[in-house]
N, C-alpha and C. Protein backbone atom coordinates (compact mmCIF):
# COMPACT_ATOMS: atom_id res chain seq x y z
N UNK A 1 33.36 -12.57 -87.26
CA UNK A 1 33.78 -13.80 -87.91
C UNK A 1 34.26 -13.46 -89.31
N UNK A 2 35.25 -14.20 -89.78
CA UNK A 2 35.83 -13.99 -91.10
C UNK A 2 34.84 -14.34 -92.19
N UNK A 3 34.96 -13.65 -93.29
CA UNK A 3 34.16 -13.95 -94.47
C UNK A 3 34.98 -14.89 -95.35
N UNK A 4 34.41 -16.00 -95.74
CA UNK A 4 35.14 -17.00 -96.51
C UNK A 4 34.78 -16.93 -97.99
N UNK A 5 35.77 -17.17 -98.84
CA UNK A 5 35.56 -17.26 -100.28
C UNK A 5 34.93 -18.60 -100.60
N UNK A 6 34.50 -18.75 -101.83
CA UNK A 6 33.94 -20.03 -102.28
C UNK A 6 35.01 -21.11 -102.17
N UNK A 7 34.60 -22.34 -101.90
CA UNK A 7 35.57 -23.44 -101.82
C UNK A 7 36.33 -23.61 -103.13
N UNK A 8 37.56 -24.10 -103.01
CA UNK A 8 38.32 -24.42 -104.21
C UNK A 8 38.99 -25.76 -104.02
N UNK A 9 39.32 -26.37 -105.12
CA UNK A 9 39.94 -27.69 -105.10
C UNK A 9 41.43 -27.56 -105.38
N UNK A 10 42.23 -28.21 -104.56
CA UNK A 10 43.68 -28.22 -104.77
C UNK A 10 44.18 -29.66 -104.65
N UNK A 11 45.31 -29.92 -105.28
CA UNK A 11 45.96 -31.22 -105.16
C UNK A 11 47.29 -31.02 -104.48
N UNK A 12 47.58 -31.85 -103.47
CA UNK A 12 48.85 -31.76 -102.77
C UNK A 12 49.50 -33.13 -102.76
N UNK A 13 50.79 -33.14 -102.48
CA UNK A 13 51.52 -34.40 -102.44
C UNK A 13 51.25 -35.13 -101.12
N UNK A 14 51.62 -36.39 -101.07
CA UNK A 14 51.48 -37.16 -99.83
C UNK A 14 52.32 -36.54 -98.72
N UNK A 15 53.52 -36.07 -99.06
CA UNK A 15 54.40 -35.43 -98.06
C UNK A 15 53.76 -34.15 -97.52
N UNK A 16 53.14 -33.36 -98.40
CA UNK A 16 52.47 -32.14 -97.96
C UNK A 16 51.28 -32.47 -97.08
N UNK A 17 50.55 -33.52 -97.41
CA UNK A 17 49.41 -33.94 -96.59
C UNK A 17 49.87 -34.39 -95.21
N UNK A 18 50.96 -35.14 -95.15
CA UNK A 18 51.49 -35.57 -93.85
C UNK A 18 51.91 -34.37 -93.02
N UNK A 19 52.58 -33.40 -93.65
CA UNK A 19 53.00 -32.18 -92.95
C UNK A 19 51.77 -31.45 -92.41
N UNK A 20 50.75 -31.33 -93.25
CA UNK A 20 49.52 -30.64 -92.87
C UNK A 20 48.86 -31.34 -91.69
N UNK A 21 48.74 -32.65 -91.76
CA UNK A 21 48.06 -33.40 -90.70
C UNK A 21 48.82 -33.34 -89.38
N UNK A 22 50.15 -33.20 -89.43
CA UNK A 22 50.93 -33.06 -88.19
C UNK A 22 50.60 -31.77 -87.45
N UNK A 23 50.06 -30.81 -88.13
CA UNK A 23 49.76 -29.50 -87.54
C UNK A 23 48.30 -29.33 -87.15
N UNK A 24 47.53 -30.39 -87.14
CA UNK A 24 46.10 -30.28 -86.88
C UNK A 24 45.74 -30.32 -85.41
N UNK A 25 46.69 -30.18 -84.52
CA UNK A 25 46.41 -30.16 -83.07
C UNK A 25 45.58 -31.37 -82.65
N UNK A 26 46.09 -32.55 -82.95
CA UNK A 26 45.42 -33.81 -82.59
C UNK A 26 44.01 -33.90 -83.16
N UNK A 27 43.83 -33.34 -84.35
CA UNK A 27 42.55 -33.44 -85.03
C UNK A 27 41.52 -32.40 -84.62
N UNK A 28 41.89 -31.46 -83.74
CA UNK A 28 40.91 -30.46 -83.32
C UNK A 28 40.74 -29.36 -84.35
N UNK A 29 41.70 -29.23 -85.27
CA UNK A 29 41.58 -28.26 -86.37
C UNK A 29 41.34 -29.01 -87.67
N UNK A 30 40.54 -28.42 -88.53
CA UNK A 30 40.35 -29.01 -89.85
C UNK A 30 41.56 -28.73 -90.72
N UNK A 31 41.72 -29.49 -91.77
CA UNK A 31 42.80 -29.22 -92.71
C UNK A 31 42.65 -27.82 -93.30
N UNK A 32 41.43 -27.42 -93.58
CA UNK A 32 41.19 -26.08 -94.13
C UNK A 32 41.64 -25.00 -93.15
N UNK A 33 41.36 -25.20 -91.87
CA UNK A 33 41.76 -24.21 -90.86
C UNK A 33 43.28 -24.10 -90.80
N UNK A 34 43.98 -25.23 -90.86
CA UNK A 34 45.44 -25.20 -90.83
C UNK A 34 45.97 -24.50 -92.08
N UNK A 35 45.39 -24.80 -93.23
CA UNK A 35 45.83 -24.13 -94.46
C UNK A 35 45.62 -22.62 -94.37
N UNK A 36 44.50 -22.18 -93.78
CA UNK A 36 44.27 -20.75 -93.61
C UNK A 36 45.33 -20.14 -92.70
N UNK A 37 45.71 -20.85 -91.62
CA UNK A 37 46.76 -20.36 -90.73
C UNK A 37 48.09 -20.24 -91.45
N UNK A 38 48.42 -21.24 -92.26
CA UNK A 38 49.69 -21.22 -93.00
C UNK A 38 49.69 -20.05 -94.00
N UNK A 39 48.59 -19.85 -94.69
CA UNK A 39 48.51 -18.74 -95.64
C UNK A 39 48.61 -17.40 -94.92
N UNK A 40 47.92 -17.27 -93.78
CA UNK A 40 48.01 -16.03 -92.99
C UNK A 40 49.45 -15.76 -92.55
N UNK A 41 50.15 -16.81 -92.12
CA UNK A 41 51.55 -16.65 -91.69
C UNK A 41 52.43 -16.24 -92.87
N UNK A 42 52.20 -16.80 -94.04
CA UNK A 42 52.97 -16.44 -95.23
C UNK A 42 52.72 -14.99 -95.62
N UNK A 43 51.47 -14.56 -95.54
CA UNK A 43 51.13 -13.17 -95.85
C UNK A 43 51.82 -12.24 -94.86
N UNK A 44 51.76 -12.56 -93.58
CA UNK A 44 52.39 -11.71 -92.56
C UNK A 44 53.90 -11.65 -92.76
N UNK A 45 54.53 -12.78 -93.06
CA UNK A 45 55.98 -12.81 -93.28
C UNK A 45 56.35 -11.98 -94.50
N UNK A 46 55.58 -12.09 -95.55
CA UNK A 46 55.85 -11.32 -96.76
C UNK A 46 55.71 -9.82 -96.48
N UNK A 47 54.65 -9.44 -95.77
CA UNK A 47 54.41 -8.03 -95.48
C UNK A 47 55.47 -7.46 -94.54
N UNK A 48 56.03 -8.30 -93.68
CA UNK A 48 57.07 -7.86 -92.75
C UNK A 48 58.45 -7.89 -93.39
N UNK A 49 58.51 -8.33 -94.65
CA UNK A 49 59.78 -8.40 -95.35
C UNK A 49 60.62 -9.60 -94.94
N UNK A 50 60.01 -10.58 -94.30
CA UNK A 50 60.72 -11.77 -93.85
C UNK A 50 60.69 -12.90 -94.86
N UNK A 51 59.92 -12.73 -95.93
CA UNK A 51 59.81 -13.77 -96.94
C UNK A 51 59.79 -13.12 -98.32
N UNK A 52 60.24 -13.87 -99.29
CA UNK A 52 60.20 -13.41 -100.67
C UNK A 52 58.79 -13.65 -101.19
N UNK A 53 58.15 -12.65 -101.79
CA UNK A 53 56.78 -12.84 -102.27
C UNK A 53 56.70 -13.78 -103.47
N UNK A 54 55.52 -14.34 -103.66
CA UNK A 54 55.25 -15.11 -104.86
C UNK A 54 55.81 -16.53 -104.85
N UNK A 55 56.04 -17.07 -106.03
CA UNK A 55 56.45 -18.48 -106.18
C UNK A 55 57.74 -18.83 -105.43
N UNK A 56 58.61 -17.86 -105.19
CA UNK A 56 59.85 -18.16 -104.48
C UNK A 56 59.58 -18.58 -103.05
N UNK A 57 58.52 -18.05 -102.44
CA UNK A 57 58.15 -18.45 -101.09
C UNK A 57 57.79 -19.94 -101.09
N UNK A 58 57.03 -20.37 -102.08
CA UNK A 58 56.64 -21.77 -102.19
C UNK A 58 57.87 -22.63 -102.43
N UNK A 59 58.73 -22.21 -103.34
CA UNK A 59 59.92 -22.98 -103.66
C UNK A 59 60.82 -23.14 -102.44
N UNK A 60 60.98 -22.10 -101.66
CA UNK A 60 61.84 -22.20 -100.49
C UNK A 60 61.23 -23.13 -99.43
N UNK A 61 59.92 -23.16 -99.32
CA UNK A 61 59.26 -24.03 -98.36
C UNK A 61 59.43 -25.49 -98.76
N UNK A 62 59.48 -25.78 -100.07
CA UNK A 62 59.64 -27.15 -100.53
C UNK A 62 61.02 -27.72 -100.23
N UNK A 63 62.01 -26.87 -100.04
CA UNK A 63 63.38 -27.33 -99.87
C UNK A 63 63.81 -27.43 -98.42
N UNK A 64 62.89 -27.37 -97.49
CA UNK A 64 63.23 -27.47 -96.06
C UNK A 64 63.46 -28.89 -95.67
């Protein structure tokens, strides 16, 4: 099982929350679990050279 860091607080927009909730598999996944999946996918894309590292990755995601 994965080792988890201490909880942290973040603020997201209503649009980001709606996007997040659409990916919760009909509520079977927690928001935290979906966020971990999204972060894992971003890490994998960056390591594979498919994404620009750092803030540019976030900026490009906002413009979709």
